[in-house]
Amino acid sequence: MHSGNYVLVLHTHLPWVLHHGKWPHGEDWLTEAVAECYIPLLNSFNELVEEGIYPKVSLDISPVLCEQLEHPEFKDIFINYCDLKIKAAKQDELDFQKSGYDPHFQYLPRFWYEWYEKAKNDFINKYDCSIIKGLKNLQDINAIEIMTCGATHGYFPLLGTENSINLQLTAAVENYKKHFGREPKGIWLPECAYRPTYNWKAYIPVEPYHHPKLRPGIEQLLAKHNIKYFITDQDLTERAYGIGYYTNHLKDGFIPKTSPDFDKNNQFHNDPLNIFHVSSSEKVEFGTAIAFTRHRDIAMQVWSGEVGYPGEPDYLDFHKKHYPSMMRYWRVTDSKADMMYKSAYHPDWINDKIDHQANHFIHHIENTLNHNFSNTGRLATLCTPFDTELFGHWWFEGPKFLKAVIKGLHSSPYVNSVTATEQIDSFMPVEVMGLPEGSWGENNNHDVWVNEENKWTWVAIYNDENRFRLLLNELDINKTPLVYRIALQALKEMMLMQSSDWQFLIHTKSAKDYAEHRFSSHHTDFNNLCEMAYIAHNIGKITEQQQSYLDECEKRNSIFPELKIEWWKE
């Protein structure tokens, strides 16, 4: 009866926002995600474990987010955030009573301050003020699998040098080992962006990157860092092409498609229900990685703003908020309705809707895998990757939905929920295919991250990559601890500048001014620090004002204390 396995992937990432504003853009992004998303998901996963059901979710968490969640200041920031929300909800309750609101509306503020009290208590007492520790504990009992991500979510295909990509990967692996006590097996490529081997040149004419240069495929760089798999989009897989196959999953032999020994009956399955090795050519000795593919139709049951589950009329509306508390008291009502027509939220109305939608989602998974098995005889892999913040933040009821889906699949006679590594070990893929360049963004290319509105960011990134290369060539960074210290902070600023979030926010205009300011401030700090490194190298010291500036940069952007300049290499 078994027809395949289901791999649920959650991508967990926020850019560095500590010490860079609070609201509407800044630290509140982080505290909202912890309260509304990470704690509810941890609770759902642990409740399942208590029932004897291991969630088997494959969840990546970006290193830059790990650093924020484990920052020594974050505990107090989060507790203070919850206290402010509790205070605001209690004030709303008083105001609603004085204004003669109906009894249900008077109840809703109480729902919220009790909800935030629980979030605060869970953070302190259940998870010892550490979301990372909570995730690690689940991985240590094999309940979930934690993947990694590019260190600061740099957009790999467009970065100008392998130095930067290797730095993103090395920092990711080392940060993962620090937080989780082992090496990562899988990675979420930022924006699911992939590039094969070819004579690459920058889209923008910046010296020296606009001259064609043969660059390794992303899969080769992953293999170099012992990362086994990544996630891609269905559009890329459907355009994949066969290269050959391994004689078995242990890869002790490879037969290219062009070889006379190639079995002509061997078929390549470039569909979303297959996992396969990715290579840029028949020279698989340079390294391969296994690709899991997002199943578009199944994922859209959740993603779609028009027909997806989060649009259920009885669910909490994300957009309408009460001023000045900014609490949400209304339900979706109608996704196309004006805000003034939204009706009051009823928390007790949602459970039946969640059960119905979870069953609907499970049946879609089962039917898809059963249909595939009856037609092909192949046990399939169905993978649905989502942004973690969808569940709880954008879609308040999302964690309960996921819990219901996982619990329902546990009883399915057709489908097992497994982690990505478990699926690789059981499926043992042998096919090797080439992937086209692209991402999971609109048009499945780089349009979101390099266009007329944000291409100026790439001019700065390329110039800064080149400047850092020249700095290392011209200076002995080990001449004094001070020179190394300044250059190291410059490198951190460049890494933060490389975050793909800035181009995304500029393009979507969801936080355009904030993103432009953040990008420009990292760019300015990087160049100021490079100038300071030359001064320290040539004179042997810096002024008190420069020392104060260095201290300020280190405090404001205190990521990756384990970082080494030597990781920025080809």
Protein backbone atom coordinates (compact mmCIF):
# COMPACT_ATOMS: atom_id res chain seq x y z
CA MET A 1 0.00 0.00 0.00
CA HIS A 2 2.99 2.28 0.53
CA SER A 3 3.45 4.61 -2.46
CA GLY A 4 6.04 7.15 -1.35
CA ASN A 5 7.36 9.51 1.30
CA TYR A 6 6.56 13.09 2.21
CA VAL A 7 9.35 15.57 3.00
CA LEU A 8 8.22 18.80 4.66
CA VAL A 9 10.90 21.51 4.53
CA LEU A 10 10.73 24.79 6.46
CA HIS A 11 13.07 27.66 5.62
CA THR A 12 13.79 29.74 8.72
CA HIS A 13 15.55 33.04 8.13
CA LEU A 14 15.55 36.71 9.07
CA PRO A 15 18.30 39.20 8.22
CA TRP A 16 20.39 40.82 10.95
CA VAL A 17 18.03 43.27 12.66
CA LEU A 18 19.46 43.55 16.18
CA HIS A 19 20.65 47.10 16.92
CA HIS A 20 19.06 48.32 13.68
CA GLY A 21 15.74 49.82 14.69
CA LYS A 22 12.72 48.33 16.39
CA TRP A 23 9.43 49.10 14.64
CA PRO A 24 8.06 48.87 12.01
CA HIS A 25 11.27 47.33 10.69
CA GLY A 26 13.94 46.02 13.00
CA GLU A 27 13.92 43.98 16.19
CA ASP A 28 10.13 43.54 16.16
CA TRP A 29 10.54 41.30 13.10
CA LEU A 30 12.56 38.95 15.26
CA THR A 31 10.41 39.09 18.37
CA GLU A 32 7.20 38.65 16.36
CA ALA A 33 8.64 35.59 14.63
CA VAL A 34 9.68 34.02 17.93
CA ALA A 35 6.32 34.67 19.63
CA GLU A 36 4.01 33.88 16.73
CA CYS A 37 5.98 31.25 14.85
CA TYR A 38 9.02 29.59 16.45
CA ILE A 39 7.56 28.96 19.91
CA PRO A 40 4.19 27.70 18.56
CA LEU A 41 6.01 25.36 16.16
CA LEU A 42 8.32 24.08 18.91
CA ASN A 43 5.24 23.48 21.06
CA SER A 44 3.50 21.60 18.24
CA PHE A 45 6.57 19.43 17.59
CA ASN A 46 7.05 18.61 21.27
CA GLU A 47 3.36 17.84 21.74
CA LEU A 48 3.62 15.36 18.86
CA VAL A 49 6.69 13.75 20.42
CA GLU A 50 4.79 13.38 23.69
CA GLU A 51 2.12 11.50 21.72
CA GLY A 52 4.78 9.20 20.28
CA ILE A 53 4.85 10.88 16.85
CA TYR A 54 8.14 12.24 15.55
CA PRO A 55 7.41 15.21 13.25
CA LYS A 56 10.27 14.39 10.82
CA VAL A 57 10.36 17.96 9.54
CA SER A 58 13.52 19.10 7.73
CA LEU A 59 14.05 22.64 8.91
CA ASP A 60 16.85 24.98 8.03
CA ILE A 61 17.76 27.95 10.16
CA SER A 62 20.10 30.55 8.74
CA PRO A 63 23.33 31.17 10.69
CA VAL A 64 22.58 34.90 10.88
CA LEU A 65 19.27 34.06 12.56
CA CYS A 66 20.98 31.60 14.93
CA GLU A 67 23.31 34.39 16.03
CA GLN A 68 20.41 36.71 16.78
CA LEU A 69 18.41 34.14 18.71
CA GLU A 70 21.48 33.27 20.79
CA HIS A 71 22.62 36.85 21.25
CA PRO A 72 23.05 37.68 24.97
CA GLU A 73 20.70 40.65 24.64
CA PHE A 74 17.88 38.75 22.98
CA LYS A 75 16.43 37.20 26.16
CA ASP A 76 15.61 40.59 27.65
CA ILE A 77 14.49 41.99 24.30
CA PHE A 78 11.94 39.20 23.87
CA ILE A 79 10.65 39.25 27.43
CA ASN A 80 10.23 43.02 27.25
CA TYR A 81 8.39 42.64 23.93
CA CYS A 82 5.92 40.18 25.47
CA ASP A 83 5.41 42.42 28.49
CA LEU A 84 4.62 45.37 26.23
CA LYS A 85 2.10 43.31 24.24
CA ILE A 86 0.46 42.10 27.46
CA LYS A 87 0.24 45.66 28.75
CA ALA A 88 -1.22 46.86 25.43
CA ALA A 89 -3.85 44.11 25.39
CA LYS A 90 -4.89 44.86 28.96
CA GLN A 91 -5.27 48.53 28.08
CA ASP A 92 -7.43 47.56 25.11
CA GLU A 93 -9.64 45.50 27.42
CA LEU A 94 -10.21 48.53 29.65
CA ASP A 95 -10.86 50.78 26.67
CA PHE A 96 -13.33 48.32 25.13
CA GLN A 97 -15.20 48.01 28.43
CA LYS A 98 -15.41 51.79 28.82
CA SER A 99 -16.61 52.18 25.24
CA GLY A 100 -19.34 49.58 25.66
CA TYR A 101 -18.01 47.10 23.09
CA ASP A 102 -19.94 43.82 22.86
CA PRO A 103 -18.84 41.05 25.27
CA HIS A 104 -16.93 39.08 22.64
CA PHE A 105 -14.82 42.07 21.64
CA GLN A 106 -14.12 42.71 25.31
CA TYR A 107 -12.91 39.10 25.55
CA LEU A 108 -10.45 39.28 22.62
CA PRO A 109 -7.83 41.44 24.41
CA ARG A 110 -7.89 38.90 27.26
CA PHE A 111 -7.27 36.13 24.72
CA TRP A 112 -4.21 38.00 23.55
CA TYR A 113 -2.65 38.89 26.88
CA GLU A 114 -3.07 35.28 28.02
CA TRP A 115 -1.54 34.17 24.72
CA TYR A 116 1.54 36.40 25.20
CA GLU A 117 1.85 35.34 28.84
CA LYS A 118 2.05 31.74 27.66
CA ALA A 119 4.59 32.62 24.94
CA LYS A 120 6.79 34.34 27.52
CA ASN A 121 6.49 31.50 30.02
CA ASP A 122 7.21 28.87 27.37
CA PHE A 123 10.28 30.82 26.24
CA ILE A 124 11.61 31.02 29.79
CA ASN A 125 10.53 27.74 31.32
CA LYS A 126 10.13 25.28 28.43
CA TYR A 127 13.01 26.39 26.25
CA ASP A 128 15.39 27.99 28.74
CA CYS A 129 15.30 31.25 26.72
CA SER A 130 16.84 29.47 23.72
CA ILE A 131 14.93 28.60 20.55
CA ILE A 132 18.13 27.04 19.21
CA LYS A 133 18.43 24.73 22.21
CA GLY A 134 14.80 23.71 21.72
CA LEU A 135 15.50 22.80 18.08
CA LYS A 136 18.73 21.02 18.95
CA ASN A 137 16.98 18.86 21.54
CA LEU A 138 14.47 17.74 18.91
CA GLN A 139 17.22 16.91 16.42
CA ASP A 140 19.21 15.03 19.04
CA ILE A 141 16.30 12.59 19.48
CA ASN A 142 15.87 12.31 15.69
CA ALA A 143 12.47 14.00 15.76
CA ILE A 144 13.47 16.60 13.16
CA GLU A 145 16.44 17.36 10.91
CA ILE A 146 18.07 20.77 10.96
CA MET A 147 19.70 22.03 7.79
CA THR A 148 21.86 25.09 7.28
CA CYS A 149 21.70 28.05 4.89
CA GLY A 150 24.08 30.62 3.42
CA ALA A 151 25.63 32.39 6.42
CA THR A 152 23.98 35.76 5.78
CA HIS A 153 21.66 34.56 2.98
CA GLY A 154 23.91 35.81 0.19
CA TYR A 155 22.57 35.20 -3.32
CA PHE A 156 25.10 32.63 -4.54
CA PRO A 157 24.72 32.76 -8.36
CA LEU A 158 25.35 36.51 -8.52
CA LEU A 159 28.20 36.88 -6.02
CA GLY A 160 31.32 37.89 -7.90
CA THR A 161 33.81 35.43 -6.47
CA GLU A 162 34.07 31.90 -5.13
CA ASN A 163 35.74 33.60 -2.14
CA SER A 164 32.39 35.01 -1.09
CA ILE A 165 30.43 31.79 -1.71
CA ASN A 166 33.00 29.69 0.13
CA LEU A 167 32.92 32.19 2.98
CA GLN A 168 29.13 31.92 3.16
CA LEU A 169 29.41 28.11 3.22
CA THR A 170 32.36 27.79 5.59
CA ALA A 171 30.82 30.22 8.06
CA ALA A 172 27.52 28.32 7.78
CA VAL A 173 29.12 24.95 8.53
CA GLU A 174 31.20 26.26 11.43
CA ASN A 175 28.26 28.14 12.90
CA TYR A 176 26.10 25.03 12.62
CA LYS A 177 28.70 22.94 14.44
CA LYS A 178 28.85 25.57 17.19
CA HIS A 179 25.09 25.58 17.76
CA PHE A 180 24.12 21.98 16.97
CA GLY A 181 27.23 19.96 17.75
CA ARG A 182 27.53 18.22 14.38
CA GLU A 183 28.00 18.98 10.68
CA PRO A 184 24.97 19.85 8.51
CA LYS A 185 23.94 17.39 5.83
CA GLY A 186 21.68 19.68 3.83
CA ILE A 187 21.36 23.33 2.92
CA TRP A 188 18.70 25.76 1.87
CA LEU A 189 20.35 27.67 -0.96
CA PRO A 190 19.25 31.29 -0.39
CA GLU A 191 16.19 31.92 -2.59
CA CYS A 192 16.72 28.34 -3.90
CA ALA A 193 19.11 30.02 -6.34
CA TYR A 194 21.38 27.72 -8.34
CA ARG A 195 24.03 28.19 -11.02
CA PRO A 196 25.86 25.43 -12.95
CA THR A 197 29.42 25.60 -14.25
CA TYR A 198 29.95 27.91 -17.23
CA ASN A 199 31.92 30.95 -18.35
CA TRP A 200 30.13 33.38 -16.08
CA LYS A 201 30.24 37.15 -16.16
CA ALA A 202 28.40 39.74 -14.11
CA TYR A 203 25.14 41.20 -15.38
CA ILE A 204 26.60 44.60 -14.54
CA PRO A 205 29.85 45.94 -16.10
CA VAL A 206 32.02 46.13 -12.99
CA GLU A 207 35.74 45.35 -13.26
CA PRO A 208 36.89 42.57 -13.19
CA TYR A 209 33.65 40.61 -13.00
CA HIS A 210 32.22 41.51 -16.41
CA HIS A 211 34.90 39.41 -18.13
CA PRO A 212 33.84 35.77 -18.72
CA LYS A 213 35.43 33.34 -16.29
CA LEU A 214 34.84 29.62 -15.83
CA ARG A 215 33.27 29.16 -12.41
CA PRO A 216 32.34 25.96 -10.58
CA GLY A 217 28.72 24.93 -10.23
CA ILE A 218 27.06 25.50 -6.88
CA GLU A 219 26.81 21.73 -6.38
CA GLN A 220 30.61 21.47 -6.60
CA LEU A 221 31.02 24.05 -3.86
CA LEU A 222 28.47 22.21 -1.71
CA ALA A 223 30.36 18.95 -2.17
CA LYS A 224 33.58 20.72 -1.16
CA HIS A 225 31.92 21.54 2.16
CA ASN A 226 30.47 18.02 2.55
CA ILE A 227 26.88 19.21 2.09
CA LYS A 228 24.81 16.43 0.56
CA TYR A 229 21.56 17.99 -0.62
CA PHE A 230 19.63 21.18 -1.38
CA ILE A 231 16.13 22.28 -2.41
CA THR A 232 15.14 23.45 -5.88
CA ASP A 233 11.99 24.60 -7.64
CA GLN A 234 9.81 22.52 -9.95
CA ASP A 235 10.46 24.75 -12.96
CA LEU A 236 14.20 24.03 -12.79
CA THR A 237 13.70 20.28 -12.36
CA GLU A 238 11.33 20.13 -15.34
CA ARG A 239 14.09 21.69 -17.44
CA ALA A 240 16.77 19.34 -16.10
CA TYR A 241 18.59 17.04 -18.52
CA GLY A 242 20.12 13.61 -18.10
CA ILE A 243 23.90 13.24 -17.68
CA GLY A 244 24.32 9.65 -16.49
CA TYR A 245 23.87 7.46 -13.48
CA TYR A 246 25.81 5.91 -10.65
CA THR A 247 26.03 2.14 -10.62
CA ASN A 248 24.78 2.29 -7.04
CA HIS A 249 24.05 4.88 -4.38
CA LEU A 250 27.55 4.51 -2.91
CA LYS A 251 28.85 6.15 -6.10
CA ASP A 252 31.59 3.57 -6.73
CA GLY A 253 31.03 3.89 -10.46
CA PHE A 254 29.56 6.41 -12.88
CA ILE A 255 28.27 5.77 -16.38
CA PRO A 256 27.74 8.90 -18.48
CA LYS A 257 24.87 9.10 -20.92
CA THR A 258 27.36 9.34 -23.77
CA SER A 259 29.08 6.07 -22.83
CA PRO A 260 28.47 2.95 -24.94
CA ASP A 261 27.90 1.16 -21.62
CA PHE A 262 24.96 3.40 -20.82
CA ASP A 263 21.75 1.42 -20.39
CA LYS A 264 19.40 2.89 -23.00
CA ASN A 265 16.44 1.64 -20.97
CA ASN A 266 17.44 3.83 -18.08
CA GLN A 267 15.10 6.80 -17.93
CA PHE A 268 15.64 10.17 -16.31
CA HIS A 269 12.75 11.38 -14.22
CA ASN A 270 12.87 15.16 -14.31
CA ASP A 271 9.65 15.57 -12.37
CA PRO A 272 9.00 16.90 -8.86
CA LEU A 273 8.41 13.41 -7.42
CA ASN A 274 12.03 12.38 -7.86
CA ILE A 275 15.31 13.11 -6.11
CA PHE A 276 18.52 13.01 -8.12
CA HIS A 277 22.17 13.98 -8.12
CA VAL A 278 22.99 17.33 -9.71
CA SER A 279 26.14 17.83 -11.74
CA SER A 280 27.22 20.47 -14.23
CA SER A 281 28.78 17.90 -16.55
CA GLU A 282 29.91 14.30 -16.86
CA LYS A 283 32.89 15.20 -14.67
CA VAL A 284 31.10 14.16 -11.50
CA GLU A 285 34.46 13.84 -9.74
CA PHE A 286 34.29 17.60 -9.17
CA GLY A 287 31.34 17.00 -6.85
CA THR A 288 27.59 16.52 -6.92
CA ALA A 289 24.68 17.22 -4.58
CA ILE A 290 21.19 15.76 -4.38
CA ALA A 291 18.21 17.95 -5.26
CA PHE A 292 14.77 17.85 -3.64
CA THR A 293 12.11 19.56 -5.74
CA ARG A 294 9.23 21.70 -4.57
CA HIS A 295 5.94 20.17 -5.74
CA ARG A 296 4.18 23.24 -7.08
CA ASP A 297 0.54 22.11 -7.05
CA ILE A 298 0.62 20.64 -3.55
CA ALA A 299 2.55 23.58 -2.13
CA MET A 300 0.12 26.07 -3.65
CA GLN A 301 -2.64 24.66 -1.47
CA VAL A 302 -0.86 26.55 1.30
CA TRP A 303 0.97 29.32 -0.58
CA SER A 304 -1.84 30.70 -2.74
CA GLY A 305 -3.29 33.98 -1.55
CA GLU A 306 -6.51 33.31 -3.43
CA VAL A 307 -7.27 29.61 -2.95
CA GLY A 308 -4.80 28.63 -0.21
CA TYR A 309 -5.84 27.54 3.26
CA PRO A 310 -4.76 30.78 5.03
CA GLY A 311 -7.56 32.62 3.24
CA GLU A 312 -10.21 30.75 5.27
CA PRO A 313 -12.73 33.45 6.35
CA ASP A 314 -12.66 32.42 10.02
CA TYR A 315 -8.87 32.67 10.39
CA LEU A 316 -7.16 35.67 11.95
CA ASP A 317 -6.67 38.54 9.54
CA PHE A 318 -2.99 39.52 9.32
CA HIS A 319 -3.39 43.08 8.07
CA LYS A 320 -6.08 44.78 10.17
CA LYS A 321 -4.73 46.02 13.51
CA HIS A 322 -6.11 48.10 16.35
CA TYR A 323 -4.32 51.40 16.99
CA PRO A 324 -2.30 52.13 19.10
CA SER A 325 -1.86 48.60 20.52
CA MET A 326 -1.42 47.06 17.02
CA MET A 327 -3.30 43.98 18.23
CA ARG A 328 -5.32 41.92 15.75
CA TYR A 329 -8.97 41.37 16.62
CA TRP A 330 -10.53 40.55 13.26
CA ARG A 331 -10.88 37.51 11.05
CA VAL A 332 -10.26 37.30 7.30
CA THR A 333 -14.04 37.46 6.67
CA ASP A 334 -13.43 37.90 2.94
CA SER A 335 -9.95 38.12 1.44
CA LYS A 336 -11.15 40.77 -0.99
CA ALA A 337 -13.20 42.80 1.49
CA ASP A 338 -12.25 46.30 2.57
CA MET A 339 -10.79 46.50 6.08
CA MET A 340 -13.87 48.24 7.41
CA TYR A 341 -15.98 45.15 6.71
CA LYS A 342 -13.85 42.67 8.69
CA SER A 343 -15.71 40.76 11.42
CA ALA A 344 -14.48 39.85 14.91
CA TYR A 345 -12.13 36.89 15.30
CA HIS A 346 -13.44 33.83 17.15
CA PRO A 347 -10.57 31.57 18.28
CA ASP A 348 -13.04 28.78 19.04
CA TRP A 349 -14.21 28.62 15.42
CA ILE A 350 -10.94 27.44 13.88
CA ASN A 351 -10.43 23.81 15.00
CA ASP A 352 -12.97 22.28 12.62
CA LYS A 353 -11.51 24.32 9.75
CA ILE A 354 -7.98 23.10 10.55
CA ASP A 355 -9.09 19.46 10.68
CA HIS A 356 -10.91 19.79 7.37
CA GLN A 357 -7.98 21.48 5.63
CA ALA A 358 -5.40 19.08 7.08
CA ASN A 359 -7.43 16.12 5.80
CA HIS A 360 -7.77 17.80 2.41
CA PHE A 361 -4.00 18.37 2.26
CA ILE A 362 -3.23 14.79 3.32
CA HIS A 363 -5.58 13.39 0.69
CA HIS A 364 -3.87 15.49 -1.98
CA ILE A 365 -0.50 14.07 -0.94
CA GLU A 366 -1.82 10.50 -0.83
CA ASN A 367 -3.66 10.77 -4.15
CA THR A 368 -0.63 12.28 -5.89
CA LEU A 369 1.70 9.55 -4.68
CA ASN A 370 -0.80 6.74 -5.27
CA HIS A 371 -1.48 7.94 -8.81
CA ASN A 372 2.24 8.14 -9.52
CA PHE A 373 2.85 4.65 -8.14
CA SER A 374 -0.01 3.08 -10.10
CA ASN A 375 1.31 4.63 -13.33
CA THR A 376 5.06 4.14 -12.87
CA GLY A 377 5.61 1.59 -10.11
CA ARG A 378 8.07 4.06 -8.55
CA LEU A 379 8.07 4.99 -4.90
CA ALA A 380 8.08 8.78 -5.06
CA THR A 381 9.35 11.72 -3.02
CA LEU A 382 6.90 14.56 -2.46
CA CYS A 383 8.58 17.66 -1.09
CA THR A 384 6.88 20.90 -0.04
CA PRO A 385 9.19 23.69 1.13
CA PHE A 386 7.77 26.78 2.83
CA ASP A 387 9.04 29.83 4.65
CA THR A 388 8.75 28.98 8.33
CA GLU A 389 7.36 32.41 9.14
CA LEU A 390 4.25 31.58 7.11
CA PHE A 391 3.18 29.28 9.94
CA GLY A 392 2.15 31.43 12.88
CA HIS A 393 3.22 34.87 11.70
CA TRP A 394 1.48 35.36 8.37
CA TRP A 395 -0.95 32.53 9.07
CA PHE A 396 -1.70 32.52 12.79
CA GLU A 397 -3.30 29.07 12.74
CA GLY A 398 -0.46 27.58 10.68
CA PRO A 399 1.35 25.69 13.49
CA LYS A 400 -1.88 23.90 14.40
CA PHE A 401 -2.40 23.03 10.75
CA LEU A 402 1.08 21.52 10.48
CA LYS A 403 0.54 19.53 13.67
CA ALA A 404 -2.73 18.15 12.28
CA VAL A 405 -1.08 17.24 8.96
CA ILE A 406 1.85 15.47 10.63
CA LYS A 407 -0.48 13.63 12.99
CA GLY A 408 -2.76 12.60 10.13
CA LEU A 409 0.08 11.35 7.94
CA HIS A 410 1.32 9.25 10.85
CA SER A 411 -1.77 7.09 10.36
CA SER A 412 -1.64 7.04 6.56
CA PRO A 413 -1.30 3.57 4.99
CA TYR A 414 0.18 5.10 1.85
CA VAL A 415 2.65 7.81 2.89
CA ASN A 416 5.39 8.16 5.49
CA SER A 417 6.74 11.49 6.71
CA VAL A 418 10.53 11.40 6.64
CA THR A 419 13.42 13.83 6.89
CA ALA A 420 15.43 14.64 3.80
CA THR A 421 18.39 12.52 4.89
CA GLU A 422 16.11 9.57 5.69
CA GLN A 423 14.63 9.83 2.22
CA ILE A 424 18.07 9.83 0.61
CA ASP A 425 19.11 6.79 2.65
CA SER A 426 15.95 4.87 1.76
CA PHE A 427 15.56 5.94 -1.87
CA MET A 428 19.28 5.78 -2.79
CA PRO A 429 19.15 7.98 -5.94
CA VAL A 430 21.45 7.05 -8.81
CA GLU A 431 20.36 9.42 -11.60
CA VAL A 432 22.65 12.37 -12.37
CA MET A 433 21.10 15.37 -14.08
CA GLY A 434 22.03 18.91 -14.95
CA LEU A 435 19.95 21.79 -13.62
CA PRO A 436 19.49 25.10 -15.40
CA GLU A 437 20.32 28.35 -13.64
CA GLY A 438 17.49 29.89 -11.67
CA SER A 439 15.67 30.41 -8.38
CA TRP A 440 12.24 30.01 -6.81
CA GLY A 441 11.49 33.71 -7.38
CA GLU A 442 9.12 35.10 -9.97
CA ASN A 443 10.03 33.96 -13.50
CA ASN A 444 12.30 31.35 -11.83
CA ASN A 445 15.34 33.48 -12.61
CA HIS A 446 17.26 36.34 -10.97
CA ASP A 447 14.80 39.12 -11.88
CA VAL A 448 13.80 39.83 -8.27
CA TRP A 449 17.40 40.21 -7.11
CA VAL A 450 18.93 42.12 -10.00
CA ASN A 451 16.81 44.66 -11.86
CA GLU A 452 16.70 48.37 -12.60
CA GLU A 453 15.65 49.22 -9.04
CA ASN A 454 18.35 47.32 -7.20
CA LYS A 455 21.21 46.75 -9.62
CA TRP A 456 23.14 49.53 -7.86
CA THR A 457 23.53 47.16 -4.92
CA TRP A 458 25.49 44.75 -7.11
CA VAL A 459 27.82 47.53 -8.24
CA ALA A 460 28.61 48.08 -4.56
CA ILE A 461 28.94 44.37 -3.79
CA TYR A 462 31.33 43.76 -6.68
CA ASN A 463 33.43 46.80 -5.87
CA ASP A 464 33.63 45.75 -2.23
CA GLU A 465 34.53 42.15 -3.07
CA ASN A 466 37.31 43.47 -5.26
CA ARG A 467 38.46 45.96 -2.64
CA PHE A 468 38.73 43.26 0.01
CA ARG A 469 40.75 41.10 -2.39
CA LEU A 470 43.14 44.00 -2.96
CA LEU A 471 43.34 44.73 0.77
CA LEU A 472 44.47 41.17 1.50
CA ASN A 473 46.98 41.31 -1.35
CA GLU A 474 48.45 44.65 -0.28
CA LEU A 475 48.45 44.30 3.50
CA ASP A 476 49.89 41.82 5.93
CA ILE A 477 46.71 41.41 7.96
CA ASN A 478 48.64 39.42 10.56
CA LYS A 479 51.10 42.27 11.11
CA THR A 480 49.31 43.22 14.34
CA PRO A 481 46.16 41.99 16.10
CA LEU A 482 44.66 45.43 15.44
CA VAL A 483 44.98 45.16 11.66
CA TYR A 484 43.41 41.68 11.69
CA ARG A 485 40.61 42.88 13.96
CA ILE A 486 39.72 45.79 11.67
CA ALA A 487 39.84 43.64 8.52
CA LEU A 488 37.69 40.98 10.22
CA GLN A 489 34.96 43.49 11.04
CA ALA A 490 35.12 44.80 7.48
CA LEU A 491 34.52 41.25 6.29
CA LYS A 492 31.48 40.93 8.57
CA GLU A 493 30.04 44.15 7.14
CA MET A 494 30.50 42.82 3.61
CA MET A 495 28.77 39.57 4.53
CA LEU A 496 25.79 41.45 5.99
CA MET A 497 25.67 43.64 2.90
CA GLN A 498 25.47 40.50 0.72
CA SER A 499 22.13 39.40 2.23
CA SER A 500 19.60 38.79 -0.54
CA ASP A 501 16.91 40.29 1.70
CA TRP A 502 17.90 43.84 0.77
CA GLN A 503 17.32 43.36 -2.98
CA PHE A 504 14.07 41.51 -2.27
CA LEU A 505 12.70 44.25 -0.03
CA ILE A 506 13.71 46.94 -2.52
CA HIS A 507 12.02 45.10 -5.38
CA THR A 508 8.79 44.34 -3.51
CA LYS A 509 8.77 47.80 -1.87
CA SER A 510 7.63 46.13 1.37
CA ALA A 511 10.45 47.85 3.29
CA LYS A 512 12.33 49.66 0.54
CA ASP A 513 13.69 52.59 2.58
CA TYR A 514 14.81 50.33 5.41
CA ALA A 515 16.55 47.92 3.02
CA GLU A 516 18.34 50.70 1.13
CA HIS A 517 19.47 52.24 4.40
CA ARG A 518 20.70 48.93 5.79
CA PHE A 519 22.58 48.02 2.63
CA SER A 520 24.18 51.45 2.38
CA SER A 521 25.20 51.52 6.04
CA HIS A 522 27.01 48.17 5.76
CA HIS A 523 28.66 49.35 2.53
CA THR A 524 29.82 52.57 4.23
CA ASP A 525 31.09 50.76 7.32
CA PHE A 526 32.97 48.28 5.14
CA ASN A 527 34.80 50.99 3.24
CA ASN A 528 35.54 53.06 6.35
CA LEU A 529 37.02 49.98 8.01
CA CYS A 530 39.15 49.21 4.94
CA GLU A 531 40.59 52.72 5.13
CA MET A 532 41.23 52.22 8.82
CA ALA A 533 43.02 48.92 8.15
CA TYR A 534 45.48 50.68 5.84
CA ILE A 535 46.10 53.35 8.48
CA ALA A 536 46.64 50.79 11.22
CA HIS A 537 48.98 48.79 8.98
CA ASN A 538 51.07 51.76 7.89
CA ILE A 539 51.15 53.81 11.11
CA GLY A 540 50.72 51.06 13.67
CA LYS A 541 47.82 52.70 15.48
CA ILE A 542 44.49 54.45 15.05
CA THR A 543 43.00 57.54 16.69
CA GLU A 544 40.63 57.44 19.68
CA GLN A 545 37.80 58.44 17.36
CA GLN A 546 38.60 55.57 14.99
CA GLN A 547 38.85 53.18 17.93
CA SER A 548 35.42 54.29 19.12
CA TYR A 549 34.00 53.75 15.62
CA LEU A 550 35.51 50.25 15.45
CA ASP A 551 34.06 49.38 18.86
CA GLU A 552 30.66 50.65 17.76
CA CYS A 553 30.71 48.56 14.55
CA GLU A 554 31.71 45.45 16.48
CA LYS A 555 28.89 45.91 18.97
CA ARG A 556 26.25 46.80 16.39
CA ASN A 557 27.08 43.93 14.04
CA SER A 558 28.46 41.27 16.34
CA ILE A 559 27.88 38.20 14.19
CA PHE A 560 30.00 35.06 14.01
CA PRO A 561 32.67 35.42 16.73
CA GLU A 562 34.23 32.26 15.28
CA LEU A 563 34.76 33.92 11.87
CA LYS A 564 38.25 33.87 10.35
CA ILE A 565 39.48 35.98 7.45
CA GLU A 566 41.19 32.88 6.10
CA TRP A 567 37.75 31.48 5.21
CA TRP A 568 37.48 34.05 2.41
CA LYS A 569 39.30 32.03 -0.22
CA GLU A 570 38.83 30.34 -3.58
